[in-house]
Amino acid sequence: MKHQIILTAILTIALLSCGGEDEKDMQKPEIQIGYPHNCAELQRGERYTFRAQFTDNIELGSYNIEIHHNFDHHSHSTDSEECESDAAKTPVNAWVFNQDYAIPAGSRTYTANVEITVPADIDAGDYHFMVRLTDRSGWQQLAAKSIKIRK
């Protein structure tokens, strides 16, 4: 009888210790971009602030910002609004920006504010502004905007 009580106590403790922080994460994180909006027009040589709100049900991990030309009119857009494209062209000095950013450990929400300067000597035209958000468990969400860079 004593052994059954001890065994029952051990099993109860083991069951109660499961869950909580060991919860299985089955949801992608969420991205709400404040700026740039889809079809935004940026000027070469100017500085802009990327703003976004990130959320996750358990814990955020990191994010990446990528900017690259869309002179061939390929698509990544996750926005329902279609932007008017310039004529297709061959890049000469296209801008490529690709940077990873850490999010403080334990964060379920995070507000991103990143200053980005558009180089003054790049090709003007159609670009993609992409944000990849990864949570601690490895789930990833993508938000992509079509932007224009003007002279």
N, C-alpha and C. Protein backbone atom coordinates (compact mmCIF):
# COMPACT_ATOMS: atom_id res chain seq x y z
N MET A 1 0.82 -1.19 0.00
CA MET A 1 0.00 0.00 0.00
C MET A 1 0.87 1.26 0.00
N LYS A 2 1.98 1.23 0.81
CA LYS A 2 2.89 2.36 0.87
C LYS A 2 3.52 2.62 -0.50
N HIS A 3 3.87 1.53 -1.19
CA HIS A 3 4.49 1.66 -2.51
C HIS A 3 3.52 2.29 -3.51
N GLN A 4 2.24 1.94 -3.42
CA GLN A 4 1.23 2.52 -4.32
C GLN A 4 1.08 4.02 -4.08
N ILE A 5 1.11 4.42 -2.81
CA ILE A 5 1.00 5.85 -2.49
C ILE A 5 2.22 6.60 -3.02
N ILE A 6 3.40 6.05 -2.82
CA ILE A 6 4.62 6.68 -3.32
C ILE A 6 4.61 6.74 -4.84
N LEU A 7 4.23 5.65 -5.49
CA LEU A 7 4.16 5.61 -6.95
C LEU A 7 3.14 6.61 -7.48
N THR A 8 1.99 6.67 -6.83
CA THR A 8 0.95 7.63 -7.23
C THR A 8 1.46 9.06 -7.07
N ALA A 9 2.15 9.36 -5.99
CA ALA A 9 2.71 10.69 -5.76
C ALA A 9 3.74 11.05 -6.82
N ILE A 10 4.60 10.11 -7.14
CA ILE A 10 5.62 10.35 -8.17
C ILE A 10 4.97 10.61 -9.54
N LEU A 11 4.00 9.79 -9.90
CA LEU A 11 3.30 9.98 -11.17
C LEU A 11 2.56 11.31 -11.22
N THR A 12 1.93 11.69 -10.12
CA THR A 12 1.22 12.97 -10.06
C THR A 12 2.18 14.13 -10.24
N ILE A 13 3.30 14.10 -9.57
CA ILE A 13 4.32 15.16 -9.70
C ILE A 13 4.84 15.21 -11.14
N ALA A 14 5.09 14.06 -11.71
CA ALA A 14 5.60 14.01 -13.09
C ALA A 14 4.58 14.60 -14.06
N LEU A 15 3.31 14.26 -13.90
CA LEU A 15 2.27 14.79 -14.78
C LEU A 15 2.08 16.28 -14.61
N LEU A 16 2.13 16.78 -13.38
CA LEU A 16 1.96 18.21 -13.13
C LEU A 16 3.13 19.03 -13.65
N SER A 17 4.30 18.42 -13.72
CA SER A 17 5.47 19.16 -14.22
C SER A 17 5.49 19.25 -15.74
N CYS A 18 4.66 18.49 -16.44
CA CYS A 18 4.58 18.56 -17.90
C CYS A 18 3.70 19.74 -18.30
N GLY A 19 3.91 20.26 -19.51
CA GLY A 19 3.11 21.39 -19.99
C GLY A 19 3.83 22.68 -19.66
N GLY A 20 3.09 23.78 -19.64
CA GLY A 20 3.68 25.08 -19.32
C GLY A 20 4.77 25.43 -20.31
N GLU A 21 6.02 25.55 -19.83
CA GLU A 21 7.12 25.95 -20.68
C GLU A 21 7.46 24.90 -21.74
N ASP A 22 7.10 23.65 -21.48
CA ASP A 22 7.36 22.59 -22.45
C ASP A 22 6.25 22.50 -23.50
N GLU A 23 5.31 23.46 -23.46
CA GLU A 23 4.20 23.47 -24.39
C GLU A 23 4.72 23.45 -25.83
N LYS A 24 4.12 22.63 -26.66
CA LYS A 24 4.52 22.51 -28.05
C LYS A 24 4.00 23.71 -28.83
N ASP A 25 4.89 24.42 -29.47
CA ASP A 25 4.51 25.60 -30.25
C ASP A 25 4.09 25.15 -31.65
N MET A 26 2.86 25.39 -32.00
CA MET A 26 2.35 24.98 -33.31
C MET A 26 1.81 26.18 -34.11
N GLN A 27 2.18 27.41 -33.70
CA GLN A 27 1.69 28.60 -34.38
C GLN A 27 2.83 29.46 -34.90
N LYS A 28 2.63 30.01 -36.09
CA LYS A 28 3.59 30.95 -36.64
C LYS A 28 3.47 32.29 -35.91
N PRO A 29 4.57 33.04 -35.85
CA PRO A 29 4.48 34.38 -35.27
C PRO A 29 3.73 35.31 -36.24
N GLU A 30 3.40 36.51 -35.78
CA GLU A 30 2.65 37.46 -36.59
C GLU A 30 3.42 38.76 -36.76
N ILE A 31 3.26 39.36 -37.96
CA ILE A 31 3.94 40.60 -38.32
C ILE A 31 2.90 41.64 -38.70
N GLN A 32 2.99 42.82 -38.11
CA GLN A 32 2.18 43.96 -38.52
C GLN A 32 3.14 45.08 -38.89
N ILE A 33 3.31 45.34 -40.18
CA ILE A 33 4.25 46.37 -40.62
C ILE A 33 3.55 47.73 -40.60
N GLY A 34 4.20 48.68 -39.93
CA GLY A 34 3.70 50.05 -39.91
C GLY A 34 4.28 50.85 -41.07
N TYR A 35 5.57 50.67 -41.36
CA TYR A 35 6.21 51.36 -42.47
C TYR A 35 7.42 50.56 -42.91
N PRO A 36 7.67 50.37 -44.20
CA PRO A 36 6.96 51.01 -45.31
C PRO A 36 5.68 50.25 -45.66
N HIS A 37 4.71 50.97 -46.13
CA HIS A 37 3.48 50.35 -46.60
C HIS A 37 3.67 49.89 -48.04
N ASN A 38 2.78 49.05 -48.51
CA ASN A 38 2.86 48.56 -49.88
C ASN A 38 2.76 49.75 -50.84
N CYS A 39 3.56 49.74 -51.88
CA CYS A 39 3.62 50.77 -52.93
C CYS A 39 4.26 52.06 -52.45
N ALA A 40 4.93 52.06 -51.30
CA ALA A 40 5.61 53.27 -50.80
C ALA A 40 6.69 53.69 -51.78
N GLU A 41 6.92 54.99 -51.87
CA GLU A 41 7.98 55.53 -52.71
C GLU A 41 9.05 56.14 -51.81
N LEU A 42 10.27 55.62 -51.92
CA LEU A 42 11.40 56.10 -51.15
C LEU A 42 12.36 56.82 -52.08
N GLN A 43 13.10 57.76 -51.54
CA GLN A 43 14.06 58.53 -52.33
C GLN A 43 15.48 58.05 -52.06
N ARG A 44 16.29 57.99 -53.12
CA ARG A 44 17.70 57.64 -52.95
C ARG A 44 18.36 58.68 -52.05
N GLY A 45 19.27 58.20 -51.19
CA GLY A 45 20.00 59.09 -50.30
C GLY A 45 19.25 59.48 -49.04
N GLU A 46 18.01 59.07 -48.90
CA GLU A 46 17.21 59.42 -47.73
C GLU A 46 17.23 58.30 -46.69
N ARG A 47 16.95 58.66 -45.43
CA ARG A 47 16.89 57.71 -44.32
C ARG A 47 15.43 57.50 -43.94
N TYR A 48 15.07 56.23 -43.70
CA TYR A 48 13.70 55.86 -43.34
C TYR A 48 13.74 54.95 -42.12
N THR A 49 12.64 54.92 -41.39
CA THR A 49 12.54 54.04 -40.23
C THR A 49 11.54 52.94 -40.51
N PHE A 50 12.04 51.71 -40.57
CA PHE A 50 11.18 50.54 -40.66
C PHE A 50 10.53 50.38 -39.29
N ARG A 51 9.19 50.21 -39.30
CA ARG A 51 8.45 50.01 -38.05
C ARG A 51 7.54 48.80 -38.21
N ALA A 52 7.55 47.93 -37.19
CA ALA A 52 6.68 46.76 -37.20
C ALA A 52 6.42 46.29 -35.78
N GLN A 53 5.30 45.60 -35.61
CA GLN A 53 4.96 44.97 -34.34
C GLN A 53 4.98 43.47 -34.58
N PHE A 54 5.75 42.74 -33.77
CA PHE A 54 5.86 41.30 -33.86
C PHE A 54 5.20 40.66 -32.64
N THR A 55 4.48 39.57 -32.84
CA THR A 55 3.87 38.84 -31.72
C THR A 55 4.00 37.34 -31.95
N ASP A 56 4.04 36.61 -30.84
CA ASP A 56 4.05 35.15 -30.88
C ASP A 56 3.34 34.62 -29.65
N ASN A 57 2.75 33.45 -29.78
CA ASN A 57 2.01 32.86 -28.67
C ASN A 57 2.92 32.37 -27.54
N ILE A 58 4.18 32.07 -27.84
CA ILE A 58 5.08 31.56 -26.80
C ILE A 58 6.33 32.44 -26.66
N GLU A 59 7.15 32.53 -27.71
CA GLU A 59 8.35 33.36 -27.63
C GLU A 59 8.89 33.67 -29.01
N LEU A 60 9.22 34.94 -29.24
CA LEU A 60 9.83 35.37 -30.49
C LEU A 60 11.30 34.96 -30.51
N GLY A 61 11.87 34.91 -31.72
CA GLY A 61 13.27 34.57 -31.87
C GLY A 61 14.09 35.70 -32.47
N SER A 62 13.96 35.91 -33.78
CA SER A 62 14.73 36.94 -34.48
C SER A 62 13.97 37.35 -35.73
N TYR A 63 14.48 38.39 -36.40
CA TYR A 63 13.88 38.79 -37.67
C TYR A 63 14.96 39.22 -38.65
N ASN A 64 14.58 39.24 -39.90
CA ASN A 64 15.48 39.58 -41.00
C ASN A 64 14.76 40.58 -41.91
N ILE A 65 15.50 41.58 -42.35
CA ILE A 65 14.99 42.51 -43.36
C ILE A 65 15.82 42.30 -44.62
N GLU A 66 15.12 42.11 -45.73
CA GLU A 66 15.78 41.97 -47.03
C GLU A 66 15.13 42.94 -48.02
N ILE A 67 15.97 43.66 -48.73
CA ILE A 67 15.50 44.55 -49.80
C ILE A 67 16.28 44.17 -51.06
N HIS A 68 15.56 43.94 -52.15
CA HIS A 68 16.22 43.61 -53.41
C HIS A 68 15.38 44.13 -54.58
N HIS A 69 16.01 44.26 -55.75
CA HIS A 69 15.30 44.82 -56.91
C HIS A 69 14.24 43.88 -57.42
N ASN A 70 13.26 44.48 -58.08
CA ASN A 70 12.21 43.72 -58.76
C ASN A 70 12.09 44.22 -60.19
N PHE A 71 13.22 44.40 -60.83
CA PHE A 71 13.23 44.93 -62.19
C PHE A 71 12.68 43.92 -63.20
N ASP A 72 12.62 42.64 -62.82
CA ASP A 72 12.09 41.60 -63.71
C ASP A 72 10.63 41.25 -63.38
N HIS A 73 10.04 41.95 -62.40
CA HIS A 73 8.62 41.80 -62.02
C HIS A 73 8.27 40.44 -61.41
N HIS A 74 9.21 39.82 -60.72
CA HIS A 74 8.86 38.60 -59.98
C HIS A 74 8.02 39.00 -58.76
N SER A 75 7.46 38.04 -58.06
CA SER A 75 6.54 38.39 -56.98
C SER A 75 6.87 37.68 -55.68
N HIS A 76 6.77 38.44 -54.58
CA HIS A 76 6.83 37.91 -53.22
C HIS A 76 5.70 38.50 -52.39
N SER A 77 5.00 39.44 -52.94
CA SER A 77 4.08 40.26 -52.16
C SER A 77 3.10 39.42 -51.36
N THR A 78 2.93 39.78 -50.11
CA THR A 78 1.93 39.17 -49.26
C THR A 78 0.78 40.15 -49.04
N ASP A 79 0.81 41.24 -49.79
CA ASP A 79 -0.21 42.28 -49.69
C ASP A 79 -1.19 42.11 -50.85
N SER A 80 -2.45 42.34 -50.60
CA SER A 80 -3.46 42.16 -51.65
C SER A 80 -3.46 43.30 -52.66
N GLU A 81 -2.90 44.47 -52.28
CA GLU A 81 -2.86 45.62 -53.18
C GLU A 81 -1.76 45.44 -54.22
N GLU A 82 -2.12 45.55 -55.49
CA GLU A 82 -1.14 45.48 -56.58
C GLU A 82 -0.57 46.87 -56.83
N CYS A 83 0.73 46.96 -56.99
CA CYS A 83 1.38 48.24 -57.28
C CYS A 83 1.68 48.32 -58.77
N GLU A 84 1.63 49.51 -59.30
CA GLU A 84 1.96 49.71 -60.71
C GLU A 84 3.47 49.57 -60.87
N SER A 85 3.90 48.75 -61.82
CA SER A 85 5.32 48.50 -62.03
C SER A 85 5.88 49.39 -63.12
N ASP A 86 7.15 49.77 -62.96
CA ASP A 86 7.88 50.44 -64.02
C ASP A 86 8.18 49.41 -65.10
N ALA A 87 8.68 49.85 -66.22
CA ALA A 87 9.07 48.93 -67.29
C ALA A 87 10.19 48.01 -66.79
N ALA A 88 10.16 46.75 -67.22
CA ALA A 88 11.23 45.81 -66.86
C ALA A 88 12.56 46.34 -67.38
N LYS A 89 13.63 46.08 -66.62
CA LYS A 89 14.96 46.55 -67.03
C LYS A 89 16.04 45.65 -66.44
N THR A 90 17.23 45.79 -66.95
CA THR A 90 18.39 45.05 -66.45
C THR A 90 19.08 45.88 -65.38
N PRO A 91 19.36 45.30 -64.22
CA PRO A 91 20.03 46.08 -63.17
C PRO A 91 21.47 46.43 -63.54
N VAL A 92 21.89 47.61 -63.15
CA VAL A 92 23.27 48.05 -63.32
C VAL A 92 23.93 48.14 -61.95
N ASN A 93 23.26 48.82 -61.03
CA ASN A 93 23.76 48.96 -59.66
C ASN A 93 22.59 48.83 -58.70
N ALA A 94 21.99 47.65 -58.69
CA ALA A 94 20.80 47.41 -57.85
C ALA A 94 21.22 47.30 -56.39
N TRP A 95 20.32 47.71 -55.52
CA TRP A 95 20.55 47.66 -54.07
C TRP A 95 20.14 46.30 -53.53
N VAL A 96 20.99 45.72 -52.71
CA VAL A 96 20.66 44.50 -51.97
C VAL A 96 20.98 44.77 -50.51
N PHE A 97 19.97 44.65 -49.66
CA PHE A 97 20.11 44.84 -48.22
C PHE A 97 19.62 43.56 -47.57
N ASN A 98 20.40 42.99 -46.67
CA ASN A 98 20.01 41.75 -46.00
C ASN A 98 20.64 41.75 -44.61
N GLN A 99 19.80 41.94 -43.58
CA GLN A 99 20.32 42.08 -42.22
C GLN A 99 19.46 41.31 -41.22
N ASP A 100 20.11 40.58 -40.31
CA ASP A 100 19.42 39.87 -39.23
C ASP A 100 19.42 40.72 -37.97
N TYR A 101 18.35 40.58 -37.18
CA TYR A 101 18.21 41.33 -35.93
C TYR A 101 17.73 40.40 -34.83
N ALA A 102 18.32 40.53 -33.65
CA ALA A 102 17.92 39.73 -32.49
C ALA A 102 16.73 40.37 -31.79
N ILE A 103 15.94 39.54 -31.13
CA ILE A 103 14.83 39.99 -30.29
C ILE A 103 15.16 39.51 -28.89
N PRO A 104 15.00 40.36 -27.86
CA PRO A 104 15.34 39.93 -26.50
C PRO A 104 14.64 38.62 -26.09
N ALA A 105 15.38 37.74 -25.45
CA ALA A 105 14.85 36.44 -25.01
C ALA A 105 13.63 36.64 -24.12
N GLY A 106 12.66 35.76 -24.28
CA GLY A 106 11.45 35.80 -23.47
C GLY A 106 10.36 36.69 -24.01
N SER A 107 10.59 37.39 -25.12
CA SER A 107 9.62 38.34 -25.66
C SER A 107 8.50 37.64 -26.41
N ARG A 108 7.29 38.00 -26.09
CA ARG A 108 6.11 37.55 -26.86
C ARG A 108 5.66 38.63 -27.81
N THR A 109 5.99 39.87 -27.50
CA THR A 109 5.74 41.00 -28.39
C THR A 109 7.01 41.82 -28.49
N TYR A 110 7.18 42.46 -29.64
CA TYR A 110 8.37 43.28 -29.85
C TYR A 110 8.05 44.32 -30.90
N THR A 111 8.45 45.55 -30.63
CA THR A 111 8.28 46.63 -31.60
C THR A 111 9.63 46.89 -32.25
N ALA A 112 9.70 46.71 -33.55
CA ALA A 112 10.94 46.94 -34.29
C ALA A 112 10.94 48.35 -34.86
N ASN A 113 12.05 49.04 -34.70
CA ASN A 113 12.31 50.35 -35.29
C ASN A 113 13.74 50.32 -35.79
N VAL A 114 13.91 50.29 -37.10
CA VAL A 114 15.25 50.18 -37.68
C VAL A 114 15.44 51.30 -38.69
N GLU A 115 16.48 52.10 -38.49
CA GLU A 115 16.83 53.16 -39.43
C GLU A 115 17.57 52.53 -40.62
N ILE A 116 17.07 52.82 -41.81
CA ILE A 116 17.69 52.30 -43.04
C ILE A 116 17.91 53.47 -43.98
N THR A 117 19.14 53.62 -44.44
CA THR A 117 19.46 54.67 -45.41
C THR A 117 19.51 54.05 -46.80
N VAL A 118 18.74 54.63 -47.72
CA VAL A 118 18.75 54.18 -49.11
C VAL A 118 20.00 54.78 -49.76
N PRO A 119 20.89 53.96 -50.29
CA PRO A 119 22.09 54.50 -50.93
C PRO A 119 21.74 55.48 -52.07
N ALA A 120 22.55 56.50 -52.21
CA ALA A 120 22.28 57.54 -53.21
C ALA A 120 22.64 57.12 -54.62
N ASP A 121 23.46 56.08 -54.77
CA ASP A 121 23.98 55.73 -56.10
C ASP A 121 23.39 54.45 -56.69
N ILE A 122 22.28 53.98 -56.16
CA ILE A 122 21.69 52.73 -56.66
C ILE A 122 20.72 52.99 -57.80
N ASP A 123 20.38 51.92 -58.52
CA ASP A 123 19.36 52.01 -59.56
C ASP A 123 18.01 52.35 -58.93
N ALA A 124 17.33 53.31 -59.51
CA ALA A 124 15.95 53.61 -59.09
C ALA A 124 15.04 52.57 -59.72
N GLY A 125 13.85 52.39 -59.14
CA GLY A 125 12.88 51.47 -59.73
C GLY A 125 12.15 50.64 -58.69
N ASP A 126 11.64 49.51 -59.14
CA ASP A 126 10.84 48.62 -58.31
C ASP A 126 11.73 47.74 -57.44
N TYR A 127 11.35 47.63 -56.15
CA TYR A 127 12.07 46.81 -55.19
C TYR A 127 11.08 46.05 -54.33
N HIS A 128 11.57 45.00 -53.69
CA HIS A 128 10.79 44.28 -52.68
C HIS A 128 11.40 44.57 -51.31
N PHE A 129 10.53 44.80 -50.33
CA PHE A 129 10.92 44.98 -48.94
C PHE A 129 10.32 43.80 -48.19
N MET A 130 11.18 42.90 -47.72
CA MET A 130 10.71 41.64 -47.11
C MET A 130 11.16 41.54 -45.66
N VAL A 131 10.25 41.06 -44.82
CA VAL A 131 10.54 40.82 -43.40
C VAL A 131 10.22 39.37 -43.10
N ARG A 132 11.22 38.67 -42.55
CA ARG A 132 11.02 37.29 -42.10
C ARG A 132 11.14 37.28 -40.59
N LEU A 133 10.12 36.79 -39.92
CA LEU A 133 10.10 36.71 -38.47
C LEU A 133 10.10 35.24 -38.06
N THR A 134 11.02 34.88 -37.18
CA THR A 134 11.14 33.49 -36.72
C THR A 134 10.91 33.46 -35.21
N ASP A 135 10.08 32.52 -34.76
CA ASP A 135 9.90 32.39 -33.32
C ASP A 135 10.94 31.42 -32.75
N ARG A 136 10.97 31.31 -31.43
CA ARG A 136 11.97 30.47 -30.75
C ARG A 136 11.92 29.03 -31.21
N SER A 137 10.73 28.54 -31.59
CA SER A 137 10.57 27.15 -32.01
C SER A 137 10.95 26.91 -33.46
N GLY A 138 11.19 27.99 -34.22
CA GLY A 138 11.59 27.85 -35.62
C GLY A 138 10.50 28.16 -36.63
N TRP A 139 9.26 28.42 -36.18
CA TRP A 139 8.21 28.81 -37.12
C TRP A 139 8.56 30.17 -37.70
N GLN A 140 8.27 30.34 -39.00
CA GLN A 140 8.63 31.58 -39.67
C GLN A 140 7.42 32.17 -40.37
N GLN A 141 7.34 33.50 -40.34
CA GLN A 141 6.31 34.24 -41.05
C GLN A 141 7.00 35.23 -41.98
N LEU A 142 6.41 35.47 -43.14
CA LEU A 142 6.95 36.40 -44.13
C LEU A 142 5.95 37.50 -44.40
N ALA A 143 6.43 38.72 -44.45
CA ALA A 143 5.63 39.85 -44.91
C ALA A 143 6.47 40.55 -45.98
N ALA A 144 5.89 40.74 -47.15
CA ALA A 144 6.63 41.34 -48.26
C ALA A 144 5.81 42.48 -48.86
N LYS A 145 6.49 43.59 -49.10
CA LYS A 145 5.87 44.77 -49.68
C LYS A 145 6.60 45.14 -50.96
N SER A 146 5.85 45.64 -51.92
CA SER A 146 6.45 46.19 -53.14
C SER A 146 6.66 47.68 -52.87
N ILE A 147 7.88 48.17 -53.13
CA ILE A 147 8.18 49.59 -52.96
C ILE A 147 8.87 50.11 -54.21
N LYS A 148 8.93 51.43 -54.33
CA LYS A 148 9.66 52.06 -55.42
C LYS A 148 10.74 52.94 -54.81
N ILE A 149 11.88 52.94 -55.47
CA ILE A 149 12.94 53.85 -55.07
C ILE A 149 13.10 54.83 -56.22
N ARG A 150 12.98 56.10 -55.87
CA ARG A 150 13.01 57.19 -56.86
C ARG A 150 14.32 57.95 -56.78
N LYS A 151 14.60 58.68 -57.85
CA LYS A 151 15.84 59.48 -57.93
C LYS A 151 15.80 60.66 -56.99
